[in-house]
Amino acid sequence: MSGDAGPRPAATVEHTVDELMVCVIASCLRDGDQVMNGIASFIPVCAIELARRTHAPDLVWIAGGSGVAPDRPRLTGSTFEWPLWQHSVMYVDIAHDLWDWVADEDLLGTFCVGAAQIDAYGNANNSVIGSFDRPKVRLPGTAGLADMSALDKRIIYWVTDHSPRTLVERVDFRSGIGYLDGGGERARLGIGGGPVLVVTNLAVFDFEPGTERMRLLSVHPGVSVDQVLAATGFLPVLPNQIETTAAPTREQVELLRTVIDPDGYRRRGVRQPAP
């Protein structure tokens, strides 16, 4: 099954695809949850701050080795740097505090992370492209992905360049686990949580209950289902009706452009969809 998603409603306000991705992730963050971002995670960091300034004022934002709940954060070239975290509620000792929090099933409920490869069952690779012993490319490594993905956490993936190289049938190396080979394997191993969403520069995916295979949830305005399928290295589950991703509101765009990220760090690496 393929084709166009049908008529697309007019956007509520002019926006860019990076702003759309930010708003989709922000909408999934819950008030009172504790959420953690990775390094150089401009899209999720903007989403976390947007959620805190709108529908989730009691969302607790944590970055390992940096701090908790920064006030008046200022984005720079790294989402772990001092200007962002200098006015935090507290600072985090990564060796003594963070991993105890990560291991606590009642803390750090959501992890936003990017990956070089994500496969049809939400497994992620940030280690090597090719064989592990003789890789074509050696990547930065697992960092906290291996730990967070193997615990009872909600995982939200973000992908700035949706292509057959990034969304693959099977990752070359499992740096972090999703639903393994699907069909309930994660649960049979006694592991809770798992990936809940994949937000790319073309579309939004969730995971079909039962098979646990990635499912196309919506395509972004101006993008067709056929474009998404051509850019995906596997056939996702296709529901009977595929929606168009909801556009940001004027308030959201203004907050992003004037308060949260006036320097536009959220645009880094985000490929604009082809017309």
Protein backbone atom coordinates (compact mmCIF):
# COMPACT_ATOMS: atom_id res chain seq x y z
CA MET A 1 0.00 0.00 0.00
CA SER A 2 1.36 3.41 -0.90
CA GLY A 3 0.25 6.71 -2.25
CA ASP A 4 -0.58 10.20 -1.16
CA ALA A 5 -1.86 10.98 2.33
CA GLY A 6 -4.77 12.97 0.90
CA PRO A 7 -5.56 16.68 1.10
CA ARG A 8 -3.31 18.60 3.44
CA PRO A 9 -4.73 21.32 5.66
CA ALA A 10 -3.17 24.76 5.44
CA ALA A 11 -0.49 25.38 8.06
CA THR A 12 -1.54 27.56 10.95
CA VAL A 13 1.66 29.57 10.58
CA GLU A 14 4.72 29.53 8.34
CA HIS A 15 7.23 27.11 9.81
CA THR A 16 10.30 25.05 8.97
CA VAL A 17 10.67 21.29 9.27
CA ASP A 18 12.98 21.59 12.29
CA GLU A 19 10.28 23.57 14.08
CA LEU A 20 7.73 20.93 13.14
CA MET A 21 9.95 18.17 14.57
CA VAL A 22 10.44 20.13 17.79
CA CYS A 23 6.70 20.58 18.23
CA VAL A 24 5.91 16.91 17.59
CA ILE A 25 8.38 15.81 20.27
CA ALA A 26 7.20 18.51 22.69
CA SER A 27 3.62 17.26 22.36
CA CYS A 28 4.73 13.82 23.59
CA LEU A 29 6.37 15.09 26.78
CA ARG A 30 4.19 14.84 29.85
CA ASP A 31 3.89 17.22 32.75
CA GLY A 32 5.71 15.81 35.79
CA ASP A 33 7.82 13.38 33.74
CA GLN A 34 11.62 13.39 33.94
CA VAL A 35 13.29 13.57 30.53
CA MET A 36 16.94 13.28 29.52
CA ASN A 37 18.70 14.44 26.35
CA GLY A 38 21.96 13.44 24.73
CA ILE A 39 24.88 15.56 23.58
CA ALA A 40 24.31 17.96 20.64
CA SER A 41 20.57 17.24 20.86
CA PHE A 42 19.23 20.56 19.68
CA ILE A 43 15.87 19.28 18.43
CA PRO A 44 14.88 17.51 21.69
CA VAL A 45 16.37 20.25 23.88
CA CYS A 46 14.18 22.82 22.13
CA ALA A 47 11.24 20.43 22.50
CA ILE A 48 11.83 20.02 26.23
CA GLU A 49 12.01 23.76 26.81
CA LEU A 50 8.97 24.35 24.61
CA ALA A 51 6.98 21.81 26.63
CA ARG A 52 8.10 23.45 29.90
CA ARG A 53 6.95 26.84 28.67
CA THR A 54 3.56 25.60 27.47
CA HIS A 55 1.70 22.45 28.56
CA ALA A 56 4.25 20.81 30.91
CA PRO A 57 5.57 23.40 33.41
CA ASP A 58 6.52 20.67 35.90
CA LEU A 59 8.50 18.60 33.40
CA VAL A 60 11.91 17.83 34.93
CA TRP A 61 14.78 18.24 32.46
CA ILE A 62 18.02 16.36 33.20
CA ALA A 63 21.31 16.11 31.32
CA GLY A 64 23.96 13.70 32.51
CA GLY A 65 27.14 15.44 33.67
CA SER A 66 25.45 18.85 33.47
CA GLY A 67 22.41 19.70 35.54
CA VAL A 68 18.73 19.56 36.36
CA ALA A 69 16.00 22.01 35.30
CA PRO A 70 17.99 24.99 33.97
CA ASP A 71 16.42 28.41 34.31
CA ARG A 72 16.72 30.78 31.33
CA PRO A 73 18.78 28.26 29.29
CA ARG A 74 20.87 29.67 26.43
CA LEU A 75 21.76 27.31 23.60
CA THR A 76 25.33 27.14 22.34
CA GLY A 77 27.26 24.64 20.19
CA SER A 78 26.71 21.82 22.70
CA THR A 79 23.65 20.93 24.72
CA PHE A 80 25.91 20.06 27.68
CA GLU A 81 27.76 23.39 27.88
CA TRP A 82 27.81 25.84 30.80
CA PRO A 83 25.70 28.67 29.28
CA LEU A 84 22.73 26.32 29.05
CA TRP A 85 23.09 24.83 32.52
CA GLN A 86 24.59 27.65 34.64
CA HIS A 87 21.26 28.50 36.33
CA SER A 88 20.20 24.93 37.11
CA VAL A 89 18.34 23.78 40.18
CA MET A 90 21.34 21.53 40.81
CA TYR A 91 24.37 20.14 39.04
CA VAL A 92 24.83 16.45 38.32
CA ASP A 93 27.85 14.34 39.17
CA ILE A 94 27.78 11.78 36.38
CA ALA A 95 29.89 9.24 38.31
CA HIS A 96 28.05 9.38 41.64
CA ASP A 97 24.49 10.47 40.88
CA LEU A 98 23.35 10.00 37.31
CA TRP A 99 23.52 6.24 36.90
CA ASP A 100 21.69 5.63 40.17
CA TRP A 101 18.90 7.82 38.78
CA VAL A 102 18.95 5.97 35.46
CA ALA A 103 18.62 2.60 37.19
CA ASP A 104 15.65 3.77 39.28
CA GLU A 105 12.48 2.68 37.47
CA ASP A 106 10.59 5.63 38.98
CA LEU A 107 13.01 8.27 37.65
CA LEU A 108 14.07 9.47 34.21
CA GLY A 109 10.99 8.16 32.45
CA THR A 110 11.82 9.46 28.95
CA PHE A 111 15.02 9.53 26.90
CA CYS A 112 15.30 11.53 23.65
CA VAL A 113 18.10 10.24 21.45
CA GLY A 114 19.37 10.23 17.88
CA ALA A 115 21.17 7.39 16.13
CA ALA A 116 23.10 6.74 12.93
CA GLN A 117 20.86 3.75 12.18
CA ILE A 118 17.43 2.77 13.48
CA ASP A 119 15.84 -0.44 12.31
CA ALA A 120 12.29 -1.64 11.76
CA TYR A 121 11.94 -2.73 15.40
CA GLY A 122 13.48 0.35 16.98
CA ASN A 123 16.96 -1.02 17.64
CA ALA A 124 19.60 1.71 17.30
CA ASN A 125 23.22 1.83 16.17
CA ASN A 126 25.77 4.47 17.16
CA SER A 127 28.81 2.17 17.12
CA VAL A 128 29.92 0.96 13.68
CA ILE A 129 28.79 0.79 10.06
CA GLY A 130 29.72 -2.57 8.60
CA SER A 131 31.10 -5.47 10.63
CA PHE A 132 32.23 -4.76 14.18
CA ASP A 133 35.72 -6.25 13.58
CA ARG A 134 36.32 -4.47 10.27
CA PRO A 135 33.96 -1.49 10.20
CA LYS A 136 33.58 0.85 7.24
CA VAL A 137 32.87 3.67 9.69
CA ARG A 138 33.45 3.85 13.42
CA LEU A 139 30.80 5.95 15.15
CA PRO A 140 30.88 7.83 18.50
CA GLY A 141 29.67 4.89 20.60
CA THR A 142 26.74 3.99 22.82
CA ALA A 143 27.13 6.60 25.61
CA GLY A 144 23.93 6.25 27.68
CA LEU A 145 21.90 4.60 24.92
CA ALA A 146 22.79 1.02 25.91
CA ASP A 147 21.71 1.60 29.52
CA MET A 148 18.60 3.68 28.90
CA SER A 149 17.26 1.40 26.17
CA ALA A 150 17.57 -1.73 28.32
CA LEU A 151 15.55 -0.27 31.19
CA ASP A 152 11.90 0.59 31.68
CA LYS A 153 12.06 3.93 29.81
CA ARG A 154 10.15 5.60 26.98
CA ILE A 155 12.52 6.17 24.05
CA ILE A 156 11.84 8.96 21.55
CA TYR A 157 14.10 8.89 18.49
CA TRP A 158 14.74 11.89 16.28
CA VAL A 159 16.24 11.69 12.77
CA THR A 160 17.38 14.79 10.87
CA ASP A 161 18.17 13.03 7.55
CA HIS A 162 15.55 10.39 6.78
CA SER A 163 17.13 8.04 4.23
CA PRO A 164 17.61 4.30 3.53
CA ARG A 165 20.97 4.62 5.29
CA THR A 166 19.44 5.81 8.57
CA LEU A 167 16.18 3.83 8.66
CA VAL A 168 17.25 0.26 7.89
CA GLU A 169 15.70 -3.20 8.04
CA ARG A 170 18.38 -4.35 10.51
CA VAL A 171 21.08 -2.28 12.23
CA ASP A 172 24.71 -3.27 11.71
CA PHE A 173 25.26 -3.27 15.49
CA ARG A 174 22.83 -2.92 18.38
CA SER A 175 24.11 -0.02 20.46
CA GLY A 176 20.68 0.23 22.03
CA ILE A 177 17.77 -2.17 21.96
CA GLY A 178 14.28 -1.45 20.81
CA TYR A 179 11.91 -4.37 20.42
CA LEU A 180 14.75 -6.68 19.32
CA ASP A 181 13.14 -8.94 16.69
CA GLY A 182 9.60 -7.93 17.62
CA GLY A 183 6.63 -10.07 18.53
CA GLY A 184 7.01 -9.49 22.28
CA GLU A 185 10.69 -10.48 22.58
CA ARG A 186 11.50 -7.44 24.75
CA ALA A 187 8.73 -8.29 27.22
CA ARG A 188 9.69 -11.99 27.32
CA LEU A 189 13.14 -10.91 28.50
CA GLY A 190 11.54 -8.94 31.32
CA ILE A 191 12.40 -5.52 29.91
CA GLY A 192 9.74 -2.83 30.15
CA GLY A 193 9.47 0.40 28.23
CA GLY A 194 10.85 0.74 24.72
CA PRO A 195 10.64 3.10 21.75
CA VAL A 196 7.38 4.99 21.40
CA LEU A 197 8.06 7.40 18.55
CA VAL A 198 10.46 8.12 15.68
CA VAL A 199 10.31 11.73 14.47
CA THR A 200 12.13 12.42 11.21
CA ASN A 201 12.40 15.33 8.78
CA LEU A 202 9.79 13.58 6.59
CA ALA A 203 7.38 11.77 8.87
CA VAL A 204 6.39 10.42 12.27
CA PHE A 205 6.36 6.72 13.15
CA ASP A 206 5.18 4.75 16.15
CA PHE A 207 5.28 0.95 16.68
CA GLU A 208 2.43 -1.42 15.92
CA PRO A 209 1.23 -3.36 18.99
CA GLY A 210 1.79 -7.07 18.56
CA THR A 211 4.35 -7.09 15.76
CA GLU A 212 6.23 -4.13 17.32
CA ARG A 213 7.32 -3.12 13.83
CA MET A 214 7.63 0.57 12.97
CA ARG A 215 4.34 2.03 11.72
CA LEU A 216 3.90 5.18 9.65
CA LEU A 217 1.76 7.52 11.73
CA SER A 218 1.86 10.77 9.72
CA VAL A 219 3.71 12.51 6.90
CA HIS A 220 4.77 16.14 7.14
CA PRO A 221 2.97 18.82 5.11
CA GLY A 222 4.10 18.70 1.47
CA VAL A 223 5.50 15.14 1.80
CA SER A 224 3.77 12.14 0.25
CA VAL A 225 3.62 8.57 1.52
CA ASP A 226 5.54 7.46 -1.58
CA GLN A 227 8.37 9.87 -0.74
CA VAL A 228 8.58 8.45 2.77
CA LEU A 229 8.60 4.84 1.54
CA ALA A 230 11.33 5.62 -1.02
CA ALA A 231 13.48 7.09 1.76
CA THR A 232 12.97 4.17 4.14
CA GLY A 233 15.12 1.04 4.02
CA PHE A 234 12.25 -1.27 4.97
CA LEU A 235 8.50 -1.45 4.53
CA PRO A 236 6.84 -0.01 7.63
CA VAL A 237 3.37 -0.98 8.72
CA LEU A 238 0.88 1.16 6.80
CA PRO A 239 -2.45 1.87 8.51
CA ASN A 240 -5.60 2.41 6.46
CA GLN A 241 -5.40 6.16 7.02
CA ILE A 242 -2.17 8.13 7.28
CA GLU A 243 -2.54 11.60 8.69
CA THR A 244 -0.68 14.82 7.94
CA THR A 245 1.50 15.92 10.83
CA ALA A 246 -0.15 18.77 12.72
CA ALA A 247 1.51 22.12 12.03
CA PRO A 248 2.96 24.21 14.89
CA THR A 249 0.93 27.01 16.37
CA ARG A 250 1.91 30.65 16.12
CA GLU A 251 2.75 30.68 19.85
CA GLN A 252 5.09 27.69 19.47
CA VAL A 253 6.95 29.18 16.50
CA GLU A 254 7.34 32.55 18.19
CA LEU A 255 8.70 30.94 21.36
CA LEU A 256 11.22 28.92 19.35
CA ARG A 257 12.42 31.83 17.24
CA THR A 258 12.51 34.61 19.82
CA VAL A 259 13.01 32.96 23.22
CA ILE A 260 14.17 29.35 23.16
CA ASP A 261 16.53 29.24 20.15
CA PRO A 262 16.93 32.67 18.52
CA ASP A 263 20.28 31.60 17.00
CA GLY A 264 18.70 28.66 15.17
CA TYR A 265 20.77 25.77 16.54
CA ARG A 266 17.73 23.53 15.98
CA ARG A 267 18.36 23.78 12.22
CA ARG A 268 21.77 22.08 12.39
CA GLY A 269 21.89 18.98 10.23
CA VAL A 270 18.17 18.96 9.44
CA ARG A 271 17.66 18.19 5.76
CA GLN A 272 14.75 20.06 4.24
CA PRO A 273 12.32 17.76 2.40
CA ALA A 274 12.57 17.93 -1.38
CA PRO A 275 9.58 19.71 -3.00
